[in-house]
Amino acid sequence: MLTTRILILLISLSLLSSCSKDEVFDPELGDQNYKGEMRNFVIGLSEYAKKSSTNFIVIPQNGIELVTQDGEPNWSLAQKYLAAIDGNGQEDLFYGYDEDDKATPTSESNRLIQYLNISKQAGNSILASDYCSSAANINNSFSKNDQNGFISFASTERELNIIPKVAIHQENKNNISKLSEAKNFLYLINPSKFSSKQALYKL
């Protein structure tokens, strides 16, 4: 239950990951600081949005490498960027990286967790979305995310167009007024299974 109207800006940074599944280097692009430019873009959006509403929440989705200046886990932190956001969304952390309902390679999970912990230690919430459908994998996803202190959602559909027919993880009746108080979330962005976008928004 929400006691305050909260506006959420979810920014997809999927194409920015330094170790994406289909990474391609283009030498013609030179040495432009794309990470720095994207950080500045997000910071600008955050500043603009929060001037309009102090309840605005900014959550970059993927692109977690932006939390450090050069995208490496042991380098200096991007402090202004970390302060501008309220959380990070991360897909495929434990399931779905190569194939839905298949475990993400441990090396990739561990790599991502290094960055996610940097953001968490800066006071941001981590919202992890795994793509899995079997009961065992769903439960394992919830358990691993709980162990890391991440808020988790297990989607049975990659299209994010349904409410999974599973028990609500960390169900509670708490009044939520800020992101740090959340225990769970629903990642539902595709209205294809609904009569209209308005029907989706009324959930």
N, C-alpha and C. Protein backbone atom coordinates (compact mmCIF):
# COMPACT_ATOMS: atom_id res chain seq x y z
N MET A 1 0.84 -1.19 0.00
CA MET A 1 0.00 0.00 0.00
C MET A 1 0.88 1.24 0.00
N LEU A 2 0.55 2.20 -0.85
CA LEU A 2 1.32 3.42 -0.93
C LEU A 2 0.65 4.52 -0.12
N THR A 3 1.40 5.16 0.75
CA THR A 3 0.87 6.28 1.51
C THR A 3 1.17 7.59 0.81
N THR A 4 2.09 7.58 -0.13
CA THR A 4 2.48 8.77 -0.87
C THR A 4 2.55 8.42 -2.35
N ARG A 5 2.11 9.34 -3.19
CA ARG A 5 2.21 9.08 -4.62
C ARG A 5 3.67 9.14 -5.03
N ILE A 6 4.15 8.04 -5.60
CA ILE A 6 5.55 7.95 -6.00
C ILE A 6 5.63 7.82 -7.51
N LEU A 7 6.41 8.66 -8.13
CA LEU A 7 6.63 8.60 -9.57
C LEU A 7 7.95 7.91 -9.83
N ILE A 8 7.94 6.91 -10.69
CA ILE A 8 9.14 6.12 -10.93
C ILE A 8 9.59 6.28 -12.38
N LEU A 9 10.85 6.62 -12.54
CA LEU A 9 11.47 6.72 -13.87
C LEU A 9 12.43 5.55 -14.01
N LEU A 10 12.06 4.59 -14.86
CA LEU A 10 12.90 3.42 -15.11
C LEU A 10 13.65 3.65 -16.42
N ILE A 11 14.97 3.75 -16.33
CA ILE A 11 15.79 4.07 -17.50
C ILE A 11 16.52 2.81 -17.95
N SER A 12 16.24 2.35 -19.15
CA SER A 12 16.90 1.15 -19.65
C SER A 12 18.29 1.49 -20.17
N LEU A 13 19.29 0.84 -19.60
CA LEU A 13 20.67 1.05 -20.02
C LEU A 13 21.26 -0.24 -20.57
N SER A 14 20.41 -1.10 -21.10
CA SER A 14 20.84 -2.43 -21.52
C SER A 14 21.98 -2.40 -22.53
N LEU A 15 22.00 -1.39 -23.39
CA LEU A 15 23.01 -1.35 -24.45
C LEU A 15 24.34 -0.84 -23.97
N LEU A 16 24.43 -0.45 -22.70
CA LEU A 16 25.64 0.18 -22.22
C LEU A 16 26.59 -0.78 -21.51
N SER A 17 26.10 -1.97 -21.19
CA SER A 17 26.90 -2.90 -20.41
C SER A 17 28.24 -3.16 -21.08
N SER A 18 29.33 -3.09 -20.31
CA SER A 18 30.67 -3.27 -20.88
C SER A 18 30.94 -4.72 -21.24
N CYS A 19 30.13 -5.63 -20.74
CA CYS A 19 30.31 -7.04 -21.04
C CYS A 19 28.98 -7.62 -21.51
N SER A 20 28.36 -6.98 -22.48
CA SER A 20 27.08 -7.45 -22.98
C SER A 20 27.26 -8.76 -23.73
N LYS A 21 26.16 -9.47 -23.94
CA LYS A 21 26.22 -10.77 -24.58
C LYS A 21 26.71 -10.67 -26.03
N ASP A 22 26.40 -9.56 -26.68
CA ASP A 22 26.75 -9.40 -28.09
C ASP A 22 27.60 -8.15 -28.29
N GLU A 23 28.60 -8.00 -27.45
CA GLU A 23 29.42 -6.79 -27.48
C GLU A 23 30.18 -6.67 -28.80
N VAL A 24 30.12 -5.49 -29.41
CA VAL A 24 30.82 -5.23 -30.66
C VAL A 24 31.58 -3.92 -30.52
N PHE A 25 32.86 -3.92 -30.85
CA PHE A 25 33.68 -2.70 -30.78
C PHE A 25 33.77 -2.08 -32.16
N ASP A 26 33.49 -0.80 -32.24
CA ASP A 26 33.57 -0.07 -33.51
C ASP A 26 34.71 0.94 -33.40
N PRO A 27 35.87 0.69 -34.04
CA PRO A 27 37.02 1.60 -33.91
C PRO A 27 36.75 2.99 -34.44
N GLU A 28 35.76 3.16 -35.31
CA GLU A 28 35.46 4.48 -35.86
C GLU A 28 34.83 5.40 -34.83
N LEU A 29 34.34 4.83 -33.73
CA LEU A 29 33.71 5.65 -32.70
C LEU A 29 34.73 6.34 -31.81
N GLY A 30 35.98 5.91 -31.88
CA GLY A 30 37.03 6.55 -31.09
C GLY A 30 36.89 6.31 -29.60
N ASP A 31 37.41 7.26 -28.81
CA ASP A 31 37.47 7.09 -27.36
C ASP A 31 36.47 7.97 -26.63
N GLN A 32 35.32 8.20 -27.21
CA GLN A 32 34.32 9.01 -26.54
C GLN A 32 33.93 8.37 -25.21
N ASN A 33 33.71 9.20 -24.24
CA ASN A 33 33.38 8.71 -22.91
C ASN A 33 31.88 8.45 -22.82
N TYR A 34 31.46 7.31 -23.39
CA TYR A 34 30.04 7.02 -23.42
C TYR A 34 29.48 6.80 -22.03
N LYS A 35 30.25 6.18 -21.17
CA LYS A 35 29.76 5.96 -19.80
C LYS A 35 29.55 7.30 -19.09
N GLY A 36 30.50 8.19 -19.25
CA GLY A 36 30.37 9.50 -18.63
C GLY A 36 29.19 10.28 -19.19
N GLU A 37 28.99 10.18 -20.51
CA GLU A 37 27.87 10.88 -21.13
C GLU A 37 26.54 10.32 -20.65
N MET A 38 26.45 9.00 -20.50
CA MET A 38 25.21 8.40 -20.03
C MET A 38 24.96 8.77 -18.57
N ARG A 39 26.03 8.76 -17.76
CA ARG A 39 25.86 9.19 -16.37
C ARG A 39 25.32 10.62 -16.30
N ASN A 40 25.90 11.50 -17.10
CA ASN A 40 25.44 12.89 -17.10
C ASN A 40 23.99 13.00 -17.55
N PHE A 41 23.61 12.17 -18.51
CA PHE A 41 22.22 12.15 -18.98
C PHE A 41 21.27 11.75 -17.85
N VAL A 42 21.62 10.68 -17.14
CA VAL A 42 20.78 10.21 -16.04
C VAL A 42 20.74 11.24 -14.91
N ILE A 43 21.89 11.82 -14.60
CA ILE A 43 21.94 12.86 -13.55
C ILE A 43 21.04 14.03 -13.92
N GLY A 44 21.10 14.45 -15.18
CA GLY A 44 20.26 15.55 -15.64
C GLY A 44 18.78 15.23 -15.53
N LEU A 45 18.40 14.00 -15.92
CA LEU A 45 17.01 13.58 -15.80
C LEU A 45 16.57 13.58 -14.34
N SER A 46 17.44 13.07 -13.48
CA SER A 46 17.12 13.00 -12.06
C SER A 46 16.91 14.39 -11.48
N GLU A 47 17.82 15.30 -11.79
CA GLU A 47 17.71 16.66 -11.26
C GLU A 47 16.43 17.34 -11.74
N TYR A 48 16.11 17.16 -13.02
CA TYR A 48 14.91 17.77 -13.58
C TYR A 48 13.65 17.18 -12.94
N ALA A 49 13.61 15.84 -12.85
CA ALA A 49 12.42 15.17 -12.32
C ALA A 49 12.18 15.51 -10.86
N LYS A 50 13.26 15.55 -10.08
CA LYS A 50 13.10 15.76 -8.64
C LYS A 50 12.82 17.22 -8.30
N LYS A 51 13.07 18.11 -9.25
CA LYS A 51 12.63 19.49 -9.05
C LYS A 51 11.11 19.58 -9.19
N SER A 52 10.56 18.71 -10.05
CA SER A 52 9.11 18.69 -10.26
C SER A 52 8.40 17.98 -9.13
N SER A 53 9.03 16.93 -8.59
CA SER A 53 8.42 16.16 -7.50
C SER A 53 9.51 15.54 -6.66
N THR A 54 9.49 15.83 -5.38
CA THR A 54 10.50 15.26 -4.48
C THR A 54 10.30 13.76 -4.31
N ASN A 55 9.14 13.25 -4.72
CA ASN A 55 8.85 11.82 -4.60
C ASN A 55 9.28 11.03 -5.84
N PHE A 56 9.92 11.71 -6.79
CA PHE A 56 10.33 11.03 -8.01
C PHE A 56 11.46 10.05 -7.70
N ILE A 57 11.32 8.84 -8.22
CA ILE A 57 12.32 7.79 -8.01
C ILE A 57 12.97 7.45 -9.35
N VAL A 58 14.28 7.42 -9.38
CA VAL A 58 15.03 7.13 -10.60
C VAL A 58 15.74 5.78 -10.45
N ILE A 59 15.41 4.85 -11.35
CA ILE A 59 15.98 3.50 -11.28
C ILE A 59 16.55 3.12 -12.65
N PRO A 60 17.84 3.24 -12.87
CA PRO A 60 18.43 2.74 -14.12
C PRO A 60 18.28 1.21 -14.19
N GLN A 61 17.97 0.71 -15.37
CA GLN A 61 17.80 -0.73 -15.57
C GLN A 61 18.99 -1.26 -16.34
N ASN A 62 19.74 -2.20 -15.72
CA ASN A 62 20.96 -2.75 -16.31
C ASN A 62 22.02 -1.64 -16.42
N GLY A 63 23.08 -1.86 -17.16
CA GLY A 63 24.14 -0.86 -17.25
C GLY A 63 24.75 -0.54 -15.90
N ILE A 64 24.84 -1.53 -15.02
CA ILE A 64 25.29 -1.31 -13.64
C ILE A 64 26.74 -0.84 -13.58
N GLU A 65 27.51 -1.07 -14.66
CA GLU A 65 28.91 -0.65 -14.66
C GLU A 65 29.10 0.86 -14.53
N LEU A 66 28.03 1.61 -14.71
CA LEU A 66 28.12 3.07 -14.58
C LEU A 66 28.44 3.52 -13.17
N VAL A 67 28.35 2.64 -12.19
CA VAL A 67 28.56 3.07 -10.80
C VAL A 67 30.02 3.40 -10.51
N THR A 68 30.95 2.99 -11.39
CA THR A 68 32.34 3.40 -11.24
C THR A 68 32.75 4.24 -12.45
N GLN A 69 33.77 5.05 -12.28
CA GLN A 69 34.14 6.02 -13.30
C GLN A 69 34.51 5.38 -14.64
N ASP A 70 35.21 4.26 -14.59
CA ASP A 70 35.65 3.65 -15.86
C ASP A 70 34.97 2.31 -16.14
N GLY A 71 33.99 1.95 -15.30
CA GLY A 71 33.27 0.71 -15.53
C GLY A 71 33.92 -0.53 -14.97
N GLU A 72 35.01 -0.38 -14.25
CA GLU A 72 35.67 -1.51 -13.60
C GLU A 72 35.34 -1.48 -12.11
N PRO A 73 35.12 -2.64 -11.49
CA PRO A 73 34.63 -2.67 -10.11
C PRO A 73 35.57 -2.10 -9.06
N ASN A 74 36.85 -2.07 -9.33
CA ASN A 74 37.81 -1.63 -8.31
C ASN A 74 38.30 -0.20 -8.52
N TRP A 75 37.68 0.54 -9.43
CA TRP A 75 38.10 1.91 -9.68
C TRP A 75 37.23 2.89 -8.90
N SER A 76 37.53 4.17 -9.03
CA SER A 76 36.84 5.19 -8.24
C SER A 76 35.34 5.21 -8.55
N LEU A 77 34.56 5.51 -7.52
CA LEU A 77 33.12 5.49 -7.65
C LEU A 77 32.61 6.74 -8.37
N ALA A 78 31.52 6.57 -9.08
CA ALA A 78 30.85 7.70 -9.73
C ALA A 78 29.87 8.28 -8.71
N GLN A 79 30.41 9.08 -7.79
CA GLN A 79 29.65 9.52 -6.63
C GLN A 79 28.41 10.33 -7.00
N LYS A 80 28.55 11.26 -7.93
CA LYS A 80 27.41 12.10 -8.29
C LYS A 80 26.30 11.27 -8.91
N TYR A 81 26.68 10.30 -9.72
CA TYR A 81 25.70 9.41 -10.34
C TYR A 81 24.99 8.57 -9.28
N LEU A 82 25.76 8.00 -8.37
CA LEU A 82 25.17 7.18 -7.31
C LEU A 82 24.20 7.98 -6.45
N ALA A 83 24.51 9.26 -6.26
CA ALA A 83 23.63 10.11 -5.45
C ALA A 83 22.38 10.52 -6.21
N ALA A 84 22.44 10.49 -7.54
CA ALA A 84 21.31 10.95 -8.37
C ALA A 84 20.24 9.89 -8.53
N ILE A 85 20.59 8.62 -8.29
CA ILE A 85 19.63 7.54 -8.48
C ILE A 85 19.16 7.02 -7.14
N ASP A 86 18.05 6.27 -7.18
CA ASP A 86 17.48 5.72 -5.96
C ASP A 86 17.62 4.21 -5.89
N GLY A 87 17.92 3.62 -7.01
CA GLY A 87 18.07 2.17 -7.05
C GLY A 87 18.61 1.75 -8.40
N ASN A 88 18.84 0.45 -8.54
CA ASN A 88 19.26 -0.13 -9.81
C ASN A 88 18.40 -1.34 -10.10
N GLY A 89 17.95 -1.46 -11.34
CA GLY A 89 17.28 -2.67 -11.77
C GLY A 89 18.28 -3.55 -12.50
N GLN A 90 18.23 -4.85 -12.24
CA GLN A 90 19.15 -5.76 -12.91
C GLN A 90 18.41 -7.01 -13.37
N GLU A 91 18.44 -7.26 -14.67
CA GLU A 91 17.82 -8.46 -15.21
C GLU A 91 18.82 -9.61 -15.28
N ASP A 92 18.28 -10.84 -15.26
CA ASP A 92 19.07 -12.06 -15.51
C ASP A 92 20.17 -12.28 -14.49
N LEU A 93 20.01 -11.78 -13.28
CA LEU A 93 21.10 -11.90 -12.31
C LEU A 93 21.41 -13.35 -11.99
N PHE A 94 20.38 -14.15 -11.75
CA PHE A 94 20.60 -15.56 -11.43
C PHE A 94 19.96 -16.52 -12.44
N TYR A 95 18.98 -16.02 -13.19
CA TYR A 95 18.32 -16.87 -14.20
C TYR A 95 17.98 -16.04 -15.43
N GLY A 96 18.23 -16.63 -16.61
CA GLY A 96 17.79 -16.02 -17.85
C GLY A 96 18.86 -15.36 -18.69
N TYR A 97 20.10 -15.37 -18.27
CA TYR A 97 21.15 -14.67 -19.01
C TYR A 97 21.33 -15.26 -20.41
N ASP A 98 21.43 -16.58 -20.51
CA ASP A 98 21.56 -17.23 -21.81
C ASP A 98 20.23 -17.78 -22.31
N GLU A 99 19.41 -18.24 -21.37
CA GLU A 99 18.14 -18.86 -21.75
C GLU A 99 17.20 -18.78 -20.55
N ASP A 100 15.94 -18.50 -20.80
CA ASP A 100 14.97 -18.42 -19.71
C ASP A 100 14.88 -19.75 -18.98
N ASP A 101 14.73 -19.66 -17.67
CA ASP A 101 14.64 -20.81 -16.76
C ASP A 101 15.93 -21.62 -16.69
N LYS A 102 17.03 -21.03 -17.15
CA LYS A 102 18.36 -21.63 -17.02
C LYS A 102 19.22 -20.70 -16.17
N ALA A 103 20.04 -21.30 -15.31
CA ALA A 103 20.87 -20.50 -14.41
C ALA A 103 21.85 -19.63 -15.19
N THR A 104 21.97 -18.40 -14.77
CA THR A 104 23.00 -17.51 -15.31
C THR A 104 24.37 -18.03 -14.89
N PRO A 105 25.38 -18.00 -15.76
CA PRO A 105 26.71 -18.46 -15.36
C PRO A 105 27.15 -17.79 -14.06
N THR A 106 27.71 -18.58 -13.16
CA THR A 106 28.12 -18.06 -11.86
C THR A 106 29.09 -16.90 -11.99
N SER A 107 29.99 -16.99 -12.97
CA SER A 107 30.97 -15.91 -13.16
C SER A 107 30.29 -14.59 -13.49
N GLU A 108 29.22 -14.65 -14.28
CA GLU A 108 28.49 -13.43 -14.64
C GLU A 108 27.69 -12.90 -13.44
N SER A 109 27.05 -13.81 -12.71
CA SER A 109 26.33 -13.38 -11.50
C SER A 109 27.27 -12.69 -10.53
N ASN A 110 28.42 -13.29 -10.31
CA ASN A 110 29.39 -12.71 -9.37
C ASN A 110 29.91 -11.36 -9.86
N ARG A 111 30.12 -11.24 -11.17
CA ARG A 111 30.58 -9.97 -11.73
C ARG A 111 29.56 -8.88 -11.49
N LEU A 112 28.31 -9.17 -11.76
CA LEU A 112 27.24 -8.18 -11.57
C LEU A 112 27.07 -7.81 -10.11
N ILE A 113 27.16 -8.80 -9.24
CA ILE A 113 26.97 -8.55 -7.80
C ILE A 113 28.00 -7.57 -7.27
N GLN A 114 29.23 -7.62 -7.80
CA GLN A 114 30.25 -6.65 -7.37
C GLN A 114 29.76 -5.22 -7.56
N TYR A 115 29.21 -4.96 -8.73
CA TYR A 115 28.72 -3.61 -9.04
C TYR A 115 27.45 -3.28 -8.26
N LEU A 116 26.54 -4.24 -8.18
CA LEU A 116 25.29 -4.01 -7.47
C LEU A 116 25.54 -3.69 -6.00
N ASN A 117 26.53 -4.34 -5.42
CA ASN A 117 26.86 -4.07 -4.02
C ASN A 117 27.42 -2.65 -3.84
N ILE A 118 28.11 -2.15 -4.84
CA ILE A 118 28.62 -0.78 -4.77
C ILE A 118 27.44 0.19 -4.65
N SER A 119 26.43 -0.02 -5.48
CA SER A 119 25.26 0.85 -5.43
C SER A 119 24.49 0.66 -4.13
N LYS A 120 24.36 -0.58 -3.70
CA LYS A 120 23.64 -0.85 -2.44
C LYS A 120 24.35 -0.18 -1.26
N GLN A 121 25.67 -0.26 -1.24
CA GLN A 121 26.44 0.35 -0.15
C GLN A 121 26.35 1.88 -0.18
N ALA A 122 25.99 2.43 -1.34
CA ALA A 122 25.80 3.88 -1.46
C ALA A 122 24.40 4.30 -1.02
N GLY A 123 23.60 3.32 -0.59
CA GLY A 123 22.26 3.62 -0.09
C GLY A 123 21.13 3.39 -1.07
N ASN A 124 21.44 2.79 -2.22
CA ASN A 124 20.42 2.54 -3.23
C ASN A 124 19.83 1.13 -3.09
N SER A 125 18.59 0.98 -3.50
CA SER A 125 17.93 -0.32 -3.48
C SER A 125 18.22 -1.05 -4.79
N ILE A 126 18.32 -2.37 -4.70
CA ILE A 126 18.58 -3.19 -5.88
C ILE A 126 17.34 -4.03 -6.19
N LEU A 127 16.82 -3.87 -7.40
CA LEU A 127 15.64 -4.61 -7.84
C LEU A 127 16.09 -5.60 -8.91
N ALA A 128 16.10 -6.88 -8.56
CA ALA A 128 16.60 -7.91 -9.46
C ALA A 128 15.45 -8.68 -10.09
N SER A 129 15.49 -8.83 -11.41
CA SER A 129 14.47 -9.57 -12.14
C SER A 129 15.10 -10.79 -12.80
N ASP A 130 14.64 -11.97 -12.40
CA ASP A 130 15.09 -13.20 -13.03
C ASP A 130 13.98 -13.75 -13.90
N TYR A 131 14.37 -14.46 -14.95
CA TYR A 131 13.40 -15.06 -15.86
C TYR A 131 13.43 -16.57 -15.68
N CYS A 132 12.47 -17.07 -14.92
CA CYS A 132 12.41 -18.50 -14.63
C CYS A 132 10.96 -18.91 -14.39
N SER A 133 10.66 -20.17 -14.67
CA SER A 133 9.28 -20.63 -14.58
C SER A 133 9.08 -21.85 -13.69
N SER A 134 10.12 -22.65 -13.49
CA SER A 134 9.96 -23.82 -12.63
C SER A 134 9.97 -23.39 -11.17
N ALA A 135 9.21 -24.10 -10.35
CA ALA A 135 9.09 -23.74 -8.93
C ALA A 135 10.45 -23.73 -8.24
N ALA A 136 11.29 -24.71 -8.56
CA ALA A 136 12.60 -24.80 -7.91
C ALA A 136 13.46 -23.59 -8.25
N ASN A 137 13.45 -23.19 -9.50
CA ASN A 137 14.27 -22.05 -9.91
C ASN A 137 13.73 -20.73 -9.37
N ILE A 138 12.42 -20.60 -9.33
CA ILE A 138 11.81 -19.40 -8.76
C ILE A 138 12.20 -19.26 -7.29
N ASN A 139 12.08 -20.36 -6.55
CA ASN A 139 12.43 -20.32 -5.13
C ASN A 139 13.91 -20.05 -4.93
N ASN A 140 14.74 -20.63 -5.80
CA ASN A 140 16.18 -20.40 -5.69
C ASN A 140 16.53 -18.95 -6.01
N SER A 141 15.85 -18.37 -6.98
CA SER A 141 16.05 -16.96 -7.31
C SER A 141 15.72 -16.08 -6.12
N PHE A 142 14.57 -16.32 -5.51
CA PHE A 142 14.18 -15.54 -4.33
C PHE A 142 15.21 -15.69 -3.21
N SER A 143 15.65 -16.92 -2.99
CA SER A 143 16.60 -17.19 -1.90
C SER A 143 17.93 -16.48 -2.13
N LYS A 144 18.47 -16.58 -3.34
CA LYS A 144 19.76 -15.95 -3.63
C LYS A 144 19.68 -14.43 -3.54
N ASN A 145 18.60 -13.87 -4.02
CA ASN A 145 18.45 -12.42 -3.93
C ASN A 145 18.29 -11.97 -2.48
N ASP A 146 17.54 -12.74 -1.70
CA ASP A 146 17.39 -12.42 -0.27
C ASP A 146 18.75 -12.43 0.42
N GLN A 147 19.57 -13.43 0.10
CA GLN A 147 20.89 -13.54 0.72
C GLN A 147 21.77 -12.33 0.41
N ASN A 148 21.55 -11.73 -0.74
CA ASN A 148 22.34 -10.56 -1.14
C ASN A 148 21.70 -9.24 -0.75
N GLY A 149 20.53 -9.30 -0.15
CA GLY A 149 19.85 -8.08 0.24
C GLY A 149 19.22 -7.34 -0.91
N PHE A 150 18.84 -8.07 -1.97
CA PHE A 150 18.21 -7.48 -3.14
C PHE A 150 16.71 -7.74 -3.12
N ILE A 151 15.93 -6.80 -3.62
CA ILE A 151 14.50 -7.00 -3.80
C ILE A 151 14.32 -7.77 -5.10
N SER A 152 13.52 -8.83 -5.10
CA SER A 152 13.51 -9.69 -6.28
C SER A 152 12.13 -9.91 -6.87
N PHE A 153 12.15 -10.20 -8.16
CA PHE A 153 10.95 -10.55 -8.91
C PHE A 153 11.32 -11.66 -9.87
N ALA A 154 10.53 -12.72 -9.90
CA ALA A 154 10.75 -13.83 -10.83
C ALA A 154 9.64 -13.80 -11.87
N SER A 155 10.02 -13.52 -13.10
CA SER A 155 9.04 -13.44 -14.18
C SER A 155 9.00 -14.75 -14.95
N THR A 156 7.81 -15.28 -15.15
CA THR A 156 7.66 -16.52 -15.91
C THR A 156 7.55 -16.24 -17.41
N GLU A 157 7.50 -14.97 -17.78
CA GLU A 157 7.42 -14.57 -19.19
C GLU A 157 8.43 -13.47 -19.48
N ARG A 158 9.27 -13.68 -20.47
CA ARG A 158 10.27 -12.67 -20.85
C ARG A 158 9.59 -11.38 -21.32
N GLU A 159 8.40 -11.50 -21.88
CA GLU A 159 7.71 -10.32 -22.42
C GLU A 159 7.18 -9.40 -21.32
N LEU A 160 7.21 -9.85 -20.07
CA LEU A 160 6.74 -9.03 -18.94
C LEU A 160 5.32 -8.53 -19.18
N ASN A 161 4.46 -9.47 -19.56
CA ASN A 161 3.09 -9.11 -19.92
C ASN A 161 2.03 -9.78 -19.05
N ILE A 162 2.45 -10.48 -18.00
CA ILE A 162 1.49 -11.12 -17.10
C ILE A 162 1.94 -10.98 -15.65
N ILE A 163 0.99 -11.20 -14.76
CA ILE A 163 1.32 -11.32 -13.34
C ILE A 163 1.56 -12.80 -13.07
N PRO A 164 2.77 -13.20 -12.70
CA PRO A 164 3.05 -14.63 -12.49
C PRO A 164 2.10 -15.26 -11.48
N LYS A 165 1.66 -16.47 -11.77
CA LYS A 165 0.74 -17.18 -10.89
C LYS A 165 1.53 -17.95 -9.84
N VAL A 166 2.25 -17.22 -9.03
CA VAL A 166 3.03 -17.80 -7.94
C VAL A 166 2.75 -16.98 -6.68
N ALA A 167 3.06 -17.57 -5.54
CA ALA A 167 2.87 -16.85 -4.28
C ALA A 167 3.72 -15.59 -4.27
N ILE A 168 3.17 -14.51 -3.76
CA ILE A 168 3.90 -13.24 -3.70
C ILE A 168 5.05 -13.35 -2.71
N HIS A 169 6.24 -13.12 -3.19
CA HIS A 169 7.42 -13.21 -2.33
C HIS A 169 7.47 -12.02 -1.38
N GLN A 170 7.76 -12.29 -0.12
CA GLN A 170 7.87 -11.25 0.90
C GLN A 170 6.58 -10.42 0.99
N GLU A 171 5.44 -11.10 0.86
CA GLU A 171 4.16 -10.39 0.94
C GLU A 171 3.99 -9.74 2.31
N ASN A 172 3.49 -8.52 2.31
CA ASN A 172 3.31 -7.80 3.57
C ASN A 172 2.26 -6.72 3.39
N LYS A 173 1.82 -6.14 4.49
CA LYS A 173 0.80 -5.08 4.47
C LYS A 173 1.39 -3.74 4.87
N ASN A 174 2.69 -3.61 4.74
CA ASN A 174 3.35 -2.36 5.14
C ASN A 174 2.95 -1.21 4.23
N ASN A 175 2.84 -0.03 4.81
CA ASN A 175 2.66 1.19 4.02
C ASN A 175 4.03 1.61 3.48
N ILE A 176 4.13 1.77 2.18
CA ILE A 176 5.41 2.08 1.53
C ILE A 176 5.41 3.53 1.07
N SER A 177 6.34 4.30 1.58
CA SER A 177 6.43 5.71 1.19
C SER A 177 7.74 6.03 0.48
N LYS A 178 8.68 5.06 0.48
CA LYS A 178 9.94 5.26 -0.22
C LYS A 178 10.49 3.91 -0.66
N LEU A 179 11.35 3.93 -1.65
CA LEU A 179 11.82 2.70 -2.27
C LEU A 179 12.52 1.78 -1.28
N SER A 180 13.25 2.32 -0.36
CA SER A 180 14.02 1.51 0.59
C SER A 180 13.12 0.66 1.49
N GLU A 181 11.83 0.98 1.55
CA GLU A 181 10.90 0.22 2.38
C GLU A 181 10.27 -0.95 1.65
N ALA A 182 10.47 -1.03 0.34
CA ALA A 182 9.86 -2.08 -0.47
C ALA A 182 10.48 -3.44 -0.18
N LYS A 183 9.64 -4.47 -0.18
CA LYS A 183 10.10 -5.85 0.03
C LYS A 183 9.95 -6.68 -1.24
N ASN A 184 9.13 -6.21 -2.17
CA ASN A 184 8.92 -6.92 -3.43
C ASN A 184 8.46 -5.92 -4.48
N PHE A 185 8.34 -6.37 -5.71
CA PHE A 185 7.84 -5.50 -6.78
C PHE A 185 7.30 -6.35 -7.92
N LEU A 186 6.50 -5.73 -8.75
CA LEU A 186 5.95 -6.36 -9.95
C LEU A 186 6.51 -5.64 -11.16
N TYR A 187 7.14 -6.38 -12.05
CA TYR A 187 7.72 -5.81 -13.27
C TYR A 187 6.77 -6.17 -14.41
N LEU A 188 5.88 -5.26 -14.75
CA LEU A 188 4.83 -5.51 -15.74
C LEU A 188 4.77 -4.29 -16.65
N ILE A 189 5.32 -4.40 -17.85
CA ILE A 189 5.42 -3.22 -18.72
C ILE A 189 4.80 -3.42 -20.09
N ASN A 190 4.36 -4.64 -20.38
CA ASN A 190 3.82 -4.95 -21.70
C ASN A 190 2.31 -5.14 -21.59
N PRO A 191 1.51 -4.28 -22.24
CA PRO A 191 0.05 -4.36 -22.11
C PRO A 191 -0.62 -5.35 -23.07
N SER A 192 0.16 -6.21 -23.75
CA SER A 192 -0.40 -7.06 -24.80
C SER A 192 -1.47 -8.03 -24.30
N LYS A 193 -1.43 -8.38 -23.02
CA LYS A 193 -2.41 -9.30 -22.45
C LYS A 193 -3.60 -8.56 -21.84
N PHE A 194 -3.62 -7.25 -21.97
CA PHE A 194 -4.69 -6.44 -21.39
C PHE A 194 -5.49 -5.78 -22.50
N SER A 195 -6.72 -5.41 -22.20
CA SER A 195 -7.60 -4.81 -23.20
C SER A 195 -7.09 -3.45 -23.66
N SER A 196 -6.34 -2.77 -22.80
CA SER A 196 -5.79 -1.46 -23.14
C SER A 196 -4.68 -1.12 -22.16
N LYS A 197 -3.90 -0.09 -22.47
CA LYS A 197 -2.88 0.38 -21.54
C LYS A 197 -3.54 0.88 -20.26
N GLN A 198 -4.71 1.47 -20.39
CA GLN A 198 -5.41 1.98 -19.22
C GLN A 198 -5.77 0.85 -18.27
N ALA A 199 -6.15 -0.32 -18.83
CA ALA A 199 -6.48 -1.47 -18.00
C ALA A 199 -5.26 -1.94 -17.23
N LEU A 200 -4.09 -1.87 -17.86
CA LEU A 200 -2.85 -2.23 -17.18
C LEU A 200 -2.56 -1.26 -16.05
N TYR A 201 -2.73 0.03 -16.31
CA TYR A 201 -2.41 1.04 -15.31
C TYR A 201 -3.33 0.98 -14.10
N LYS A 202 -4.52 0.39 -14.26
CA LYS A 202 -5.48 0.33 -13.17
C LYS A 202 -5.18 -0.78 -12.17
N LEU A 203 -4.21 -1.61 -12.46
CA LEU A 203 -3.88 -2.71 -11.55
C LEU A 203 -3.51 -2.18 -10.17
